[in-house]
Amino acid sequence: MEENCCQTRKKHRSEKEVKDLMNRLKRIKGQVRGLQNMLESDAYCPDILVQVSAVNSALNAFSKTLLASHMKTCVVEDIKEGREETIDELVETLRKVMKYPVK
C-alpha cells in the first residue's frame, strides 16, 4: 500500500514562506468565488473561461513556487544526507503533477 508522504513526513516552513503561500491561496480562493458569482449572474461563457484560465495560472504559479522550495530544501538536504531515493520521489511527484509518464 502506498503511503501518503504528508502522513509520514513534514516540512518546516519559515513564517514568510507560509505567509506568502497562504496569500497566494487566499487570492485564488477569491478568484474562485468570483467565478461562482459570474456563474450565478449569468455571465457570458467566454468571460468565465478567461477567469478560469486566470485561476489555473495562479494555481500553476503556486505549484511552481512550492516545487522550487521543495527542491532547494528537502531534496538538497536528503541528497546531502545520502537519501538518494528522494530523486525517485521527486520524479514520481513530477509525473503526477505534470500528468506525464516519466521513465
N, C-alpha and C. Protein backbone atom coordinates (compact mmCIF):
# COMPACT_ATOMS: atom_id res chain seq x y z
N MET A 1 0.84 -1.19 0.00
CA MET A 1 0.00 0.00 0.00
C MET A 1 0.88 1.24 0.00
N GLU A 2 0.57 2.18 -0.87
CA GLU A 2 1.36 3.40 -1.00
C GLU A 2 1.07 4.34 0.16
N GLU A 3 2.14 4.84 0.81
CA GLU A 3 1.96 5.78 1.91
C GLU A 3 1.81 7.19 1.38
N ASN A 4 1.03 7.96 2.08
CA ASN A 4 0.89 9.37 1.76
C ASN A 4 2.02 10.10 2.45
N CYS A 5 2.85 10.79 1.69
CA CYS A 5 4.02 11.46 2.27
C CYS A 5 3.62 12.47 3.33
N CYS A 6 2.47 13.04 3.20
CA CYS A 6 2.03 14.06 4.15
C CYS A 6 1.72 13.45 5.52
N GLN A 7 1.51 12.15 5.58
CA GLN A 7 1.23 11.49 6.85
C GLN A 7 2.52 11.09 7.56
N THR A 8 3.60 10.94 6.84
CA THR A 8 4.83 10.45 7.45
C THR A 8 5.93 11.51 7.53
N ARG A 9 5.93 12.46 6.65
CA ARG A 9 6.98 13.48 6.62
C ARG A 9 6.36 14.86 6.76
N LYS A 10 7.12 15.75 7.34
CA LYS A 10 6.65 17.13 7.48
C LYS A 10 7.75 18.05 7.01
N LYS A 11 7.37 19.28 6.72
CA LYS A 11 8.31 20.29 6.25
C LYS A 11 8.12 21.55 7.09
N HIS A 12 9.17 21.96 7.75
CA HIS A 12 9.09 23.23 8.48
C HIS A 12 9.32 24.35 7.48
N ARG A 13 8.38 25.29 7.45
CA ARG A 13 8.50 26.44 6.55
C ARG A 13 8.68 27.70 7.39
N SER A 14 9.41 28.63 6.84
CA SER A 14 9.58 29.90 7.54
C SER A 14 8.23 30.62 7.60
N GLU A 15 8.14 31.55 8.53
CA GLU A 15 6.92 32.34 8.66
C GLU A 15 6.62 33.07 7.35
N LYS A 16 7.66 33.60 6.72
CA LYS A 16 7.49 34.34 5.46
C LYS A 16 6.98 33.42 4.35
N GLU A 17 7.54 32.21 4.26
CA GLU A 17 7.11 31.29 3.21
C GLU A 17 5.64 30.91 3.40
N VAL A 18 5.25 30.61 4.64
CA VAL A 18 3.85 30.26 4.92
C VAL A 18 2.95 31.44 4.57
N LYS A 19 3.35 32.64 4.99
CA LYS A 19 2.54 33.83 4.72
C LYS A 19 2.38 34.05 3.21
N ASP A 20 3.48 33.94 2.47
CA ASP A 20 3.43 34.14 1.02
C ASP A 20 2.53 33.10 0.34
N LEU A 21 2.69 31.83 0.72
CA LEU A 21 1.87 30.77 0.12
C LEU A 21 0.40 30.94 0.49
N MET A 22 0.14 31.28 1.75
CA MET A 22 -1.25 31.49 2.17
C MET A 22 -1.88 32.67 1.44
N ASN A 23 -1.12 33.74 1.23
CA ASN A 23 -1.65 34.89 0.48
C ASN A 23 -2.01 34.49 -0.93
N ARG A 24 -1.18 33.67 -1.56
CA ARG A 24 -1.49 33.19 -2.91
C ARG A 24 -2.80 32.40 -2.90
N LEU A 25 -2.92 31.50 -1.92
CA LEU A 25 -4.13 30.67 -1.84
C LEU A 25 -5.37 31.51 -1.57
N LYS A 26 -5.24 32.53 -0.76
CA LYS A 26 -6.39 33.40 -0.48
C LYS A 26 -6.82 34.15 -1.73
N ARG A 27 -5.84 34.58 -2.54
CA ARG A 27 -6.18 35.25 -3.81
C ARG A 27 -6.90 34.27 -4.75
N ILE A 28 -6.40 33.04 -4.79
CA ILE A 28 -7.03 32.02 -5.64
C ILE A 28 -8.45 31.75 -5.16
N LYS A 29 -8.61 31.66 -3.86
CA LYS A 29 -9.94 31.44 -3.28
C LYS A 29 -10.89 32.57 -3.70
N GLY A 30 -10.39 33.80 -3.68
CA GLY A 30 -11.19 34.94 -4.11
C GLY A 30 -11.54 34.84 -5.59
N GLN A 31 -10.59 34.39 -6.39
CA GLN A 31 -10.86 34.22 -7.82
C GLN A 31 -11.95 33.17 -8.06
N VAL A 32 -11.90 32.08 -7.28
CA VAL A 32 -12.90 31.03 -7.43
C VAL A 32 -14.28 31.56 -7.01
N ARG A 33 -14.31 32.34 -5.93
CA ARG A 33 -15.60 32.95 -5.53
C ARG A 33 -16.11 33.86 -6.65
N GLY A 34 -15.18 34.57 -7.30
CA GLY A 34 -15.57 35.42 -8.43
C GLY A 34 -16.19 34.60 -9.55
N LEU A 35 -15.63 33.41 -9.80
CA LEU A 35 -16.20 32.52 -10.82
C LEU A 35 -17.61 32.10 -10.43
N GLN A 36 -17.80 31.79 -9.16
CA GLN A 36 -19.14 31.41 -8.69
C GLN A 36 -20.12 32.56 -8.92
N ASN A 37 -19.69 33.77 -8.60
CA ASN A 37 -20.55 34.94 -8.79
C ASN A 37 -20.87 35.16 -10.26
N MET A 38 -19.87 34.97 -11.12
CA MET A 38 -20.09 35.12 -12.55
C MET A 38 -21.14 34.13 -13.04
N LEU A 39 -21.01 32.90 -12.58
CA LEU A 39 -21.96 31.87 -13.00
C LEU A 39 -23.36 32.19 -12.50
N GLU A 40 -23.46 32.61 -11.24
CA GLU A 40 -24.77 32.94 -10.66
C GLU A 40 -25.41 34.15 -11.34
N SER A 41 -24.58 35.05 -11.87
CA SER A 41 -25.13 36.25 -12.52
C SER A 41 -25.23 36.09 -14.04
N ASP A 42 -25.16 34.84 -14.50
CA ASP A 42 -25.33 34.53 -15.93
C ASP A 42 -24.32 35.24 -16.83
N ALA A 43 -23.06 35.31 -16.37
CA ALA A 43 -22.01 35.93 -17.19
C ALA A 43 -21.83 35.14 -18.49
N TYR A 44 -21.32 35.82 -19.46
CA TYR A 44 -21.07 35.25 -20.79
C TYR A 44 -19.97 34.20 -20.69
N CYS A 45 -20.17 33.04 -21.33
CA CYS A 45 -19.24 31.90 -21.23
C CYS A 45 -17.77 32.26 -21.46
N PRO A 46 -17.45 32.98 -22.55
CA PRO A 46 -16.04 33.32 -22.76
C PRO A 46 -15.44 34.14 -21.61
N ASP A 47 -16.25 35.00 -20.99
CA ASP A 47 -15.75 35.79 -19.86
C ASP A 47 -15.40 34.87 -18.68
N ILE A 48 -16.25 33.89 -18.43
CA ILE A 48 -15.98 32.93 -17.36
C ILE A 48 -14.73 32.12 -17.69
N LEU A 49 -14.62 31.68 -18.93
CA LEU A 49 -13.47 30.87 -19.33
C LEU A 49 -12.15 31.63 -19.17
N VAL A 50 -12.16 32.92 -19.45
CA VAL A 50 -10.95 33.73 -19.27
C VAL A 50 -10.56 33.75 -17.79
N GLN A 51 -11.56 33.86 -16.92
CA GLN A 51 -11.28 33.86 -15.48
C GLN A 51 -10.83 32.48 -14.99
N VAL A 52 -11.38 31.42 -15.57
CA VAL A 52 -10.92 30.06 -15.24
C VAL A 52 -9.44 29.92 -15.60
N SER A 53 -9.07 30.47 -16.73
CA SER A 53 -7.68 30.43 -17.15
C SER A 53 -6.79 31.18 -16.15
N ALA A 54 -7.27 32.29 -15.63
CA ALA A 54 -6.52 33.05 -14.64
C ALA A 54 -6.33 32.24 -13.35
N VAL A 55 -7.37 31.52 -12.94
CA VAL A 55 -7.28 30.67 -11.74
C VAL A 55 -6.26 29.55 -11.98
N ASN A 56 -6.32 28.94 -13.16
CA ASN A 56 -5.36 27.88 -13.49
C ASN A 56 -3.93 28.42 -13.45
N SER A 57 -3.71 29.59 -13.99
CA SER A 57 -2.38 30.20 -13.98
C SER A 57 -1.92 30.47 -12.55
N ALA A 58 -2.82 30.94 -11.71
CA ALA A 58 -2.48 31.22 -10.32
C ALA A 58 -2.13 29.93 -9.58
N LEU A 59 -2.88 28.86 -9.83
CA LEU A 59 -2.56 27.57 -9.20
C LEU A 59 -1.23 27.02 -9.70
N ASN A 60 -0.96 27.20 -10.99
CA ASN A 60 0.33 26.76 -11.53
C ASN A 60 1.49 27.53 -10.90
N ALA A 61 1.31 28.83 -10.71
CA ALA A 61 2.35 29.63 -10.08
C ALA A 61 2.57 29.18 -8.63
N PHE A 62 1.49 28.87 -7.91
CA PHE A 62 1.60 28.34 -6.56
C PHE A 62 2.40 27.04 -6.56
N SER A 63 2.05 26.14 -7.47
CA SER A 63 2.73 24.84 -7.56
C SER A 63 4.22 25.02 -7.87
N LYS A 64 4.54 25.90 -8.80
CA LYS A 64 5.94 26.14 -9.16
C LYS A 64 6.73 26.68 -7.98
N THR A 65 6.13 27.59 -7.22
CA THR A 65 6.78 28.15 -6.05
C THR A 65 7.04 27.07 -5.01
N LEU A 66 6.04 26.24 -4.76
CA LEU A 66 6.16 25.17 -3.77
C LEU A 66 7.19 24.13 -4.23
N LEU A 67 7.17 23.78 -5.50
CA LEU A 67 8.12 22.81 -6.04
C LEU A 67 9.55 23.33 -5.94
N ALA A 68 9.75 24.59 -6.29
CA ALA A 68 11.10 25.17 -6.20
C ALA A 68 11.60 25.13 -4.76
N SER A 69 10.75 25.47 -3.83
CA SER A 69 11.13 25.43 -2.42
C SER A 69 11.47 24.00 -2.01
N HIS A 70 10.67 23.05 -2.42
CA HIS A 70 10.91 21.64 -2.09
C HIS A 70 12.27 21.19 -2.62
N MET A 71 12.56 21.54 -3.86
CA MET A 71 13.82 21.12 -4.46
C MET A 71 15.02 21.78 -3.77
N LYS A 72 14.89 23.06 -3.44
CA LYS A 72 16.00 23.79 -2.84
C LYS A 72 16.26 23.39 -1.39
N THR A 73 15.24 22.83 -0.73
CA THR A 73 15.41 22.49 0.68
C THR A 73 15.37 20.98 0.88
N CYS A 74 14.21 20.40 0.82
CA CYS A 74 14.03 18.97 1.13
C CYS A 74 14.91 18.06 0.27
N VAL A 75 14.86 18.26 -1.04
CA VAL A 75 15.61 17.39 -1.94
C VAL A 75 17.11 17.55 -1.72
N VAL A 76 17.58 18.78 -1.63
CA VAL A 76 19.01 19.02 -1.42
C VAL A 76 19.46 18.42 -0.10
N GLU A 77 18.69 18.64 0.97
CA GLU A 77 19.06 18.10 2.29
C GLU A 77 19.11 16.58 2.27
N ASP A 78 18.09 15.96 1.65
CA ASP A 78 18.07 14.49 1.59
C ASP A 78 19.27 13.94 0.83
N ILE A 79 19.61 14.55 -0.28
CA ILE A 79 20.75 14.07 -1.07
C ILE A 79 22.04 14.23 -0.27
N LYS A 80 22.21 15.36 0.40
CA LYS A 80 23.40 15.57 1.24
C LYS A 80 23.51 14.52 2.34
N GLU A 81 22.35 14.04 2.81
CA GLU A 81 22.33 13.03 3.87
C GLU A 81 22.33 11.61 3.31
N GLY A 82 22.53 11.48 1.99
CA GLY A 82 22.64 10.17 1.37
C GLY A 82 21.33 9.49 1.02
N ARG A 83 20.23 10.19 1.12
CA ARG A 83 18.92 9.60 0.79
C ARG A 83 18.61 9.86 -0.69
N GLU A 84 19.25 9.09 -1.54
CA GLU A 84 19.10 9.29 -2.98
C GLU A 84 17.73 8.85 -3.50
N GLU A 85 16.97 8.10 -2.69
CA GLU A 85 15.61 7.70 -3.10
C GLU A 85 14.71 8.93 -3.25
N THR A 86 15.16 10.05 -2.72
CA THR A 86 14.41 11.30 -2.86
C THR A 86 14.29 11.69 -4.33
N ILE A 87 15.28 11.35 -5.13
CA ILE A 87 15.22 11.65 -6.57
C ILE A 87 14.05 10.88 -7.19
N ASP A 88 13.92 9.61 -6.82
CA ASP A 88 12.79 8.82 -7.34
C ASP A 88 11.46 9.43 -6.91
N GLU A 89 11.41 9.87 -5.65
CA GLU A 89 10.19 10.51 -5.14
C GLU A 89 9.89 11.78 -5.93
N LEU A 90 10.92 12.57 -6.22
CA LEU A 90 10.75 13.80 -6.99
C LEU A 90 10.25 13.49 -8.40
N VAL A 91 10.84 12.49 -9.03
CA VAL A 91 10.42 12.11 -10.39
C VAL A 91 8.96 11.66 -10.37
N GLU A 92 8.58 10.88 -9.36
CA GLU A 92 7.19 10.42 -9.26
C GLU A 92 6.25 11.59 -9.02
N THR A 93 6.66 12.54 -8.18
CA THR A 93 5.85 13.73 -7.93
C THR A 93 5.67 14.53 -9.21
N LEU A 94 6.75 14.73 -9.95
CA LEU A 94 6.67 15.46 -11.22
C LEU A 94 5.76 14.74 -12.21
N ARG A 95 5.85 13.41 -12.23
CA ARG A 95 4.99 12.65 -13.13
C ARG A 95 3.52 12.90 -12.79
N LYS A 96 3.19 12.90 -11.50
CA LYS A 96 1.81 13.13 -11.08
C LYS A 96 1.36 14.56 -11.37
N VAL A 97 2.24 15.50 -11.06
CA VAL A 97 1.89 16.91 -11.24
C VAL A 97 1.74 17.25 -12.71
N MET A 98 2.62 16.72 -13.53
CA MET A 98 2.61 17.03 -14.95
C MET A 98 1.66 16.12 -15.72
N LYS A 99 1.16 15.09 -15.06
CA LYS A 99 0.30 14.11 -15.71
C LYS A 99 0.96 13.57 -16.98
N TYR A 100 2.24 13.26 -16.81
CA TYR A 100 3.04 12.80 -17.94
C TYR A 100 3.88 11.62 -17.46
N PRO A 101 3.89 10.53 -18.19
CA PRO A 101 4.66 9.36 -17.74
C PRO A 101 6.17 9.60 -17.88
N VAL A 102 6.85 9.76 -16.76
CA VAL A 102 8.30 9.92 -16.75
C VAL A 102 8.92 8.57 -16.49
N LYS A 103 9.92 8.20 -17.29
CA LYS A 103 10.56 6.89 -17.12
C LYS A 103 11.91 7.02 -16.49
